[in-house]
């Protein structure tokens, strides 16, 4: 299976007095970059969430958002996070000592601070389990979305491979004729200049030049690279980097083919190949 780096998924749940929602977004990136955004009450879960996401995706910029909304008028009471209040008091004391005259914190200031008020009916462990369950569900949906996108990209890339093979097939049978025609044309020009192409020295130079315009090697490499690309696509897994390398090699061979062109059709084939390979490279950038 081939996965795209692009996808979106969400999951939500209602608990007594609390509404939870998880969103996962993934876009293209050269490496794996995971961003976690959670409310202060769930800050302790950040490391575990990061490890879970990193284990599910090899490349891409992944953003995980967890939203927690307390339901107005919910049954049950509220409780105070004494540890958070103690931390806040210590910090306030340090500020007063550093800046004399600073107004002290009021009870209302403390209660408004994120993470001070907690739901008395739901334990932190239960909340953590629910968040983990939502993330797991959203991650499954994200993987499915990336797989669907990956299947479409694979079909596009295989189509481009077929197009490249078609272009290569246009010139492969004509290689000997192209070579012979150009050598005949060059010989005629030499005779017009009063030189004898059958001269031993000129024959050596012509033979050397013939190797410089021979495109058989480039055609063979293009065929080999396309075959390897098909093999990698069939193999699946994290193939983005390997396919990107193969696309670069295909582009290099197409460039060389164009530089050796001695025929209008060959120049046209080289141009078509460059367009197809560039289209391929754009799609490869989306794969994990």
Protein backbone atom coordinates (compact mmCIF):
# COMPACT_ATOMS: atom_id res chain seq x y z
CA UNK A 1 0.00 0.00 0.00
CA UNK A 2 1.20 3.48 -0.91
CA UNK A 3 0.24 6.39 1.35
CA UNK A 4 -0.10 10.06 0.56
CA UNK A 5 1.20 12.57 3.09
CA UNK A 6 -2.00 14.59 2.79
CA UNK A 7 -5.09 13.84 4.85
CA UNK A 8 -7.59 15.02 7.46
CA UNK A 9 -9.58 13.22 10.14
CA UNK A 10 -11.56 14.10 13.25
CA UNK A 11 -13.32 12.39 16.14
CA UNK A 12 -15.41 13.64 19.05
CA UNK A 13 -17.11 12.37 22.17
CA UNK A 14 -19.42 13.64 24.92
CA UNK A 15 -18.71 12.95 28.58
CA UNK A 16 -20.51 14.17 31.71
CA UNK A 17 -19.82 17.90 31.75
CA UNK A 18 -17.18 17.69 28.99
CA UNK A 19 -17.10 17.70 25.20
CA UNK A 20 -13.92 16.37 23.57
CA UNK A 21 -12.83 16.75 19.96
CA UNK A 22 -9.69 15.61 18.12
CA UNK A 23 -8.51 16.81 14.71
CA UNK A 24 -5.59 15.41 12.71
CA UNK A 25 -4.15 17.18 9.67
CA UNK A 26 -1.27 15.97 7.54
CA UNK A 27 0.43 17.80 4.66
CA UNK A 28 3.59 17.39 2.61
CA UNK A 29 6.95 17.74 4.30
CA UNK A 30 10.41 16.47 3.56
CA UNK A 31 10.74 14.88 7.00
CA UNK A 32 8.37 14.00 9.85
CA UNK A 33 7.23 17.07 11.79
CA UNK A 34 4.63 16.48 14.52
CA UNK A 35 2.83 19.37 16.25
CA UNK A 36 0.61 18.76 19.28
CA UNK A 37 -1.90 21.35 20.50
CA UNK A 38 -3.76 20.38 23.67
CA UNK A 39 -5.40 22.32 26.53
CA UNK A 40 -3.45 22.70 29.75
CA UNK A 41 -5.53 20.02 31.49
CA UNK A 42 -4.20 17.47 28.99
CA UNK A 43 -0.62 18.68 28.72
CA UNK A 44 0.66 15.50 30.36
CA UNK A 45 -0.59 13.50 27.35
CA UNK A 46 1.53 15.38 24.82
CA UNK A 47 4.52 13.01 24.84
CA UNK A 48 2.37 9.90 24.43
CA UNK A 49 0.40 11.51 21.59
CA UNK A 50 3.59 12.52 19.82
CA UNK A 51 4.98 8.98 20.04
CA UNK A 52 1.73 7.50 18.73
CA UNK A 53 1.65 9.81 15.71
CA UNK A 54 5.35 9.33 14.98
CA UNK A 55 4.81 5.57 14.96
CA UNK A 56 2.01 5.84 12.42
CA UNK A 57 3.62 8.10 9.81
CA UNK A 58 7.15 8.27 8.39
CA UNK A 59 7.04 11.63 6.61
CA UNK A 60 4.83 14.71 6.56
CA UNK A 61 3.86 17.66 8.69
CA UNK A 62 1.26 16.31 11.12
CA UNK A 63 -0.81 18.50 13.41
CA UNK A 64 -2.91 17.11 16.24
CA UNK A 65 -5.47 19.38 17.96
CA UNK A 66 -7.37 18.31 21.04
CA UNK A 67 -10.21 20.57 22.18
CA UNK A 68 -11.93 20.30 25.56
CA UNK A 69 -15.16 22.19 26.21
CA UNK A 70 -16.89 22.16 29.56
CA UNK A 71 -20.65 21.87 29.26
CA UNK A 72 -22.62 24.64 30.95
CA UNK A 73 -24.99 23.36 33.59
CA UNK A 74 -23.54 19.87 33.54
CA UNK A 75 -24.40 17.52 36.34
CA UNK A 76 -21.83 17.06 39.02
CA UNK A 77 -19.55 19.55 40.71
CA UNK A 78 -16.17 21.00 40.04
CA UNK A 79 -12.91 20.56 41.90
CA UNK A 80 -9.77 22.61 42.27
CA UNK A 81 -6.41 21.41 40.99
CA UNK A 82 -4.46 22.10 44.18
CA UNK A 83 -1.13 21.34 42.53
CA UNK A 84 -1.78 23.94 39.82
CA UNK A 85 -2.91 26.50 42.46
CA UNK A 86 0.30 25.88 44.44
CA UNK A 87 2.42 26.39 41.33
CA UNK A 88 0.55 29.59 40.54
CA UNK A 89 1.00 30.90 44.10
CA UNK A 90 4.75 30.19 43.97
CA UNK A 91 5.05 32.01 40.67
CA UNK A 92 3.01 34.97 41.98
CA UNK A 93 5.22 35.25 45.06
CA UNK A 94 8.34 35.31 42.86
CA UNK A 95 6.84 38.10 40.78
CA UNK A 96 5.95 40.17 43.88
CA UNK A 97 9.49 39.73 45.23
CA UNK A 98 11.01 40.75 41.93
CA UNK A 99 8.64 43.66 41.33
CA UNK A 100 7.54 45.19 44.67
CA UNK A 101 4.11 46.76 44.57
CA UNK A 102 2.68 44.22 42.14
CA UNK A 103 -0.99 43.58 43.06
CA UNK A 104 -1.52 40.14 44.59
CA UNK A 105 -3.61 37.51 42.84
CA UNK A 106 -7.28 37.37 43.78
CA UNK A 107 -9.36 34.22 44.07
CA UNK A 108 -11.07 35.13 40.79
CA UNK A 109 -7.66 35.45 39.09
CA UNK A 110 -6.69 32.01 40.31
CA UNK A 111 -9.98 30.40 39.25
CA UNK A 112 -9.69 31.86 35.77
CA UNK A 113 -6.22 30.36 35.27
CA UNK A 114 -6.22 27.41 32.81
CA UNK A 115 -6.14 24.03 34.51
CA UNK A 116 -7.19 25.25 37.98
CA UNK A 117 -10.81 24.11 37.73
CA UNK A 118 -11.30 20.45 36.94
CA UNK A 119 -14.42 18.32 36.60
CA UNK A 120 -15.03 16.45 39.83
CA UNK A 121 -17.02 13.71 38.12
CA UNK A 122 -14.32 12.56 35.71
CA UNK A 123 -10.95 11.28 36.82
CA UNK A 124 -7.81 12.35 34.91
CA UNK A 125 -7.23 8.71 34.02
CA UNK A 126 -10.68 8.40 32.42
CA UNK A 127 -10.15 11.63 30.51
CA UNK A 128 -6.78 10.43 29.25
CA UNK A 129 -8.26 7.10 28.12
CA UNK A 130 -11.01 8.90 26.21
CA UNK A 131 -8.52 11.20 24.48
CA UNK A 132 -6.35 8.23 23.54
CA UNK A 133 -9.38 6.42 22.11
CA UNK A 134 -10.38 9.47 20.03
CA UNK A 135 -6.84 9.93 18.71
CA UNK A 136 -6.66 6.25 17.77
CA UNK A 137 -9.98 6.50 15.91
CA UNK A 138 -8.94 9.71 14.13
CA UNK A 139 -5.58 8.19 13.24
CA UNK A 140 -7.30 5.20 11.65
CA UNK A 141 -9.48 7.55 9.59
CA UNK A 142 -6.43 9.61 8.60
CA UNK A 143 -4.57 6.51 7.43
CA UNK A 144 -7.58 5.45 5.36
CA UNK A 145 -7.77 8.90 3.76
CA UNK A 146 -4.05 8.84 2.99
CA UNK A 147 -4.39 5.34 1.50
CA UNK A 148 -7.20 6.46 -0.82
CA UNK A 149 -5.14 9.44 -1.94
CA UNK A 150 -2.08 7.21 -2.34
CA UNK A 151 -3.98 4.79 -4.59
CA UNK A 152 -4.99 7.67 -6.87
CA UNK A 153 -1.41 8.98 -7.01
CA UNK A 154 -0.12 5.50 -7.82
CA UNK A 155 -2.54 5.26 -10.77
CA UNK A 156 -1.35 8.64 -12.05
CA UNK A 157 2.32 7.65 -11.76
CA UNK A 158 1.75 4.32 -13.53
CA UNK A 159 0.00 6.20 -16.32
CA UNK A 160 2.99 8.53 -16.63
CA UNK A 161 5.31 5.50 -16.78
CA UNK A 162 3.26 4.18 -19.70
CA UNK A 163 3.46 7.57 -21.41
CA UNK A 164 7.25 7.65 -21.00
CA UNK A 165 7.55 4.14 -22.43
CA UNK A 166 5.45 5.24 -25.40
CA UNK A 167 7.79 8.16 -26.09
CA UNK A 168 10.88 5.97 -25.77
CA UNK A 169 9.32 3.46 -28.17
CA UNK A 170 9.06 6.24 -30.76
CA UNK A 171 12.84 6.58 -31.04
CA UNK A 172 14.21 3.15 -30.11
CA UNK A 173 13.71 1.53 -33.57
CA UNK A 174 15.10 4.62 -35.28
CA UNK A 175 18.44 4.77 -33.46
CA UNK A 176 20.49 2.98 -36.18
CA UNK A 177 18.80 4.98 -38.98
CA UNK A 178 19.30 8.27 -37.13
CA UNK A 179 22.97 7.48 -36.64
CA UNK A 180 23.52 6.46 -40.26
CA UNK A 181 21.61 9.46 -41.63
CA UNK A 182 23.57 11.91 -39.56
CA UNK A 183 26.91 10.36 -40.49
CA UNK A 184 25.95 10.52 -44.18
CA UNK A 185 24.94 14.15 -43.78
CA UNK A 186 28.22 14.96 -42.05
CA UNK A 187 30.20 13.13 -44.76
CA UNK A 188 28.45 15.17 -47.47
CA UNK A 189 29.38 18.39 -45.72
CA UNK A 190 33.00 17.28 -45.47
CA UNK A 191 33.09 16.53 -49.19
CA UNK A 192 31.60 19.94 -49.91
CA UNK A 193 34.46 21.41 -47.91
CA UNK A 194 36.98 19.53 -50.05
CA UNK A 195 37.77 16.88 -47.45
CA UNK A 196 37.67 13.12 -47.92
CA UNK A 197 35.58 11.36 -45.23
CA UNK A 198 37.41 8.10 -45.92
CA UNK A 199 40.68 9.59 -44.75
CA UNK A 200 41.92 7.51 -41.82
CA UNK A 201 42.28 10.48 -39.50
CA UNK A 202 38.81 11.80 -40.35
CA UNK A 203 37.33 8.34 -39.97
CA UNK A 204 38.70 8.21 -36.41
CA UNK A 205 37.26 11.63 -35.62
CA UNK A 206 33.90 10.66 -37.09
CA UNK A 207 33.84 7.47 -35.07
CA UNK A 208 34.60 9.44 -31.91
CA UNK A 209 31.86 11.94 -32.72
CA UNK A 210 29.46 9.12 -33.44
CA UNK A 211 29.80 7.88 -29.87
CA UNK A 212 28.96 11.36 -28.62
CA UNK A 213 25.64 11.46 -30.45
CA UNK A 214 24.67 7.84 -29.78
CA UNK A 215 21.46 7.80 -27.69
CA UNK A 216 21.21 4.05 -27.18
CA UNK A 217 22.62 4.28 -23.65
CA UNK A 218 20.17 7.03 -22.62
CA UNK A 219 17.24 5.07 -24.06
CA UNK A 220 18.32 1.96 -22.16
CA UNK A 221 18.60 3.90 -18.90
CA UNK A 222 15.20 5.50 -19.38
CA UNK A 223 13.70 2.04 -19.83
CA UNK A 224 15.52 0.71 -16.77
CA UNK A 225 14.45 3.62 -14.54
CA UNK A 226 10.81 3.28 -15.58
CA UNK A 227 10.92 -0.46 -14.83
CA UNK A 228 12.39 0.27 -11.40
CA UNK A 229 9.71 2.88 -10.74
CA UNK A 230 7.01 0.33 -11.54
CA UNK A 231 8.67 -2.18 -9.20
CA UNK A 232 8.79 0.35 -6.35
CA UNK A 233 5.14 1.31 -6.90
CA UNK A 234 4.14 -2.35 -6.76
CA UNK A 235 6.23 -2.92 -3.63
CA UNK A 236 4.47 -0.14 -1.67
CA UNK A 237 5.42 1.29 1.71
CA UNK A 238 7.27 4.60 2.25
CA UNK A 239 8.42 5.04 -1.36
CA UNK A 240 8.42 8.83 -1.78
CA UNK A 241 12.15 9.44 -1.46
CA UNK A 242 13.10 6.54 -3.74
CA UNK A 243 10.62 7.61 -6.41
CA UNK A 244 11.85 11.19 -6.19
CA UNK A 245 15.40 9.98 -6.83
CA UNK A 246 14.27 7.91 -9.82
CA UNK A 247 12.38 10.90 -11.23
CA UNK A 248 15.55 12.98 -10.98
CA UNK A 249 17.48 10.29 -12.85
CA UNK A 250 14.78 10.13 -15.55
CA UNK A 251 14.99 13.89 -15.97
CA UNK A 252 18.76 13.74 -16.29
CA UNK A 253 18.55 11.12 -19.05
CA UNK A 254 15.86 13.12 -20.89
CA UNK A 255 18.13 16.17 -20.77
CA UNK A 256 21.05 14.21 -22.18
CA UNK A 257 18.80 12.80 -24.89
CA UNK A 258 17.88 16.34 -25.91
CA UNK A 259 21.49 17.51 -25.93
CA UNK A 260 22.40 14.67 -28.32
CA UNK A 261 19.45 15.30 -30.61
CA UNK A 262 20.25 15.34 -34.34
CA UNK A 263 16.64 15.00 -35.46
CA UNK A 264 13.46 17.08 -35.02
CA UNK A 265 11.44 14.10 -33.79
CA UNK A 266 14.10 13.21 -31.23
CA UNK A 267 14.01 16.79 -29.93
CA UNK A 268 10.22 16.53 -29.66
CA UNK A 269 10.48 13.26 -27.75
CA UNK A 270 12.98 14.80 -25.35
CA UNK A 271 10.62 17.71 -24.69
CA UNK A 272 7.64 15.40 -24.13
CA UNK A 273 9.69 13.30 -21.73
CA UNK A 274 10.65 16.35 -19.67
CA UNK A 275 7.01 17.39 -19.37
CA UNK A 276 5.91 13.91 -18.31
CA UNK A 277 8.74 13.52 -15.81
CA UNK A 278 8.04 16.93 -14.27
CA UNK A 279 4.39 15.95 -13.84
CA UNK A 280 5.58 12.76 -12.20
CA UNK A 281 7.90 14.60 -9.82
CA UNK A 282 5.05 16.87 -8.69
CA UNK A 283 2.96 13.86 -7.74
CA UNK A 284 5.84 12.03 -6.07
CA UNK A 285 6.24 14.97 -3.66
CA UNK A 286 2.88 13.98 -2.13
CA UNK A 287 3.91 10.42 -1.24
CA UNK A 288 5.19 9.29 2.12
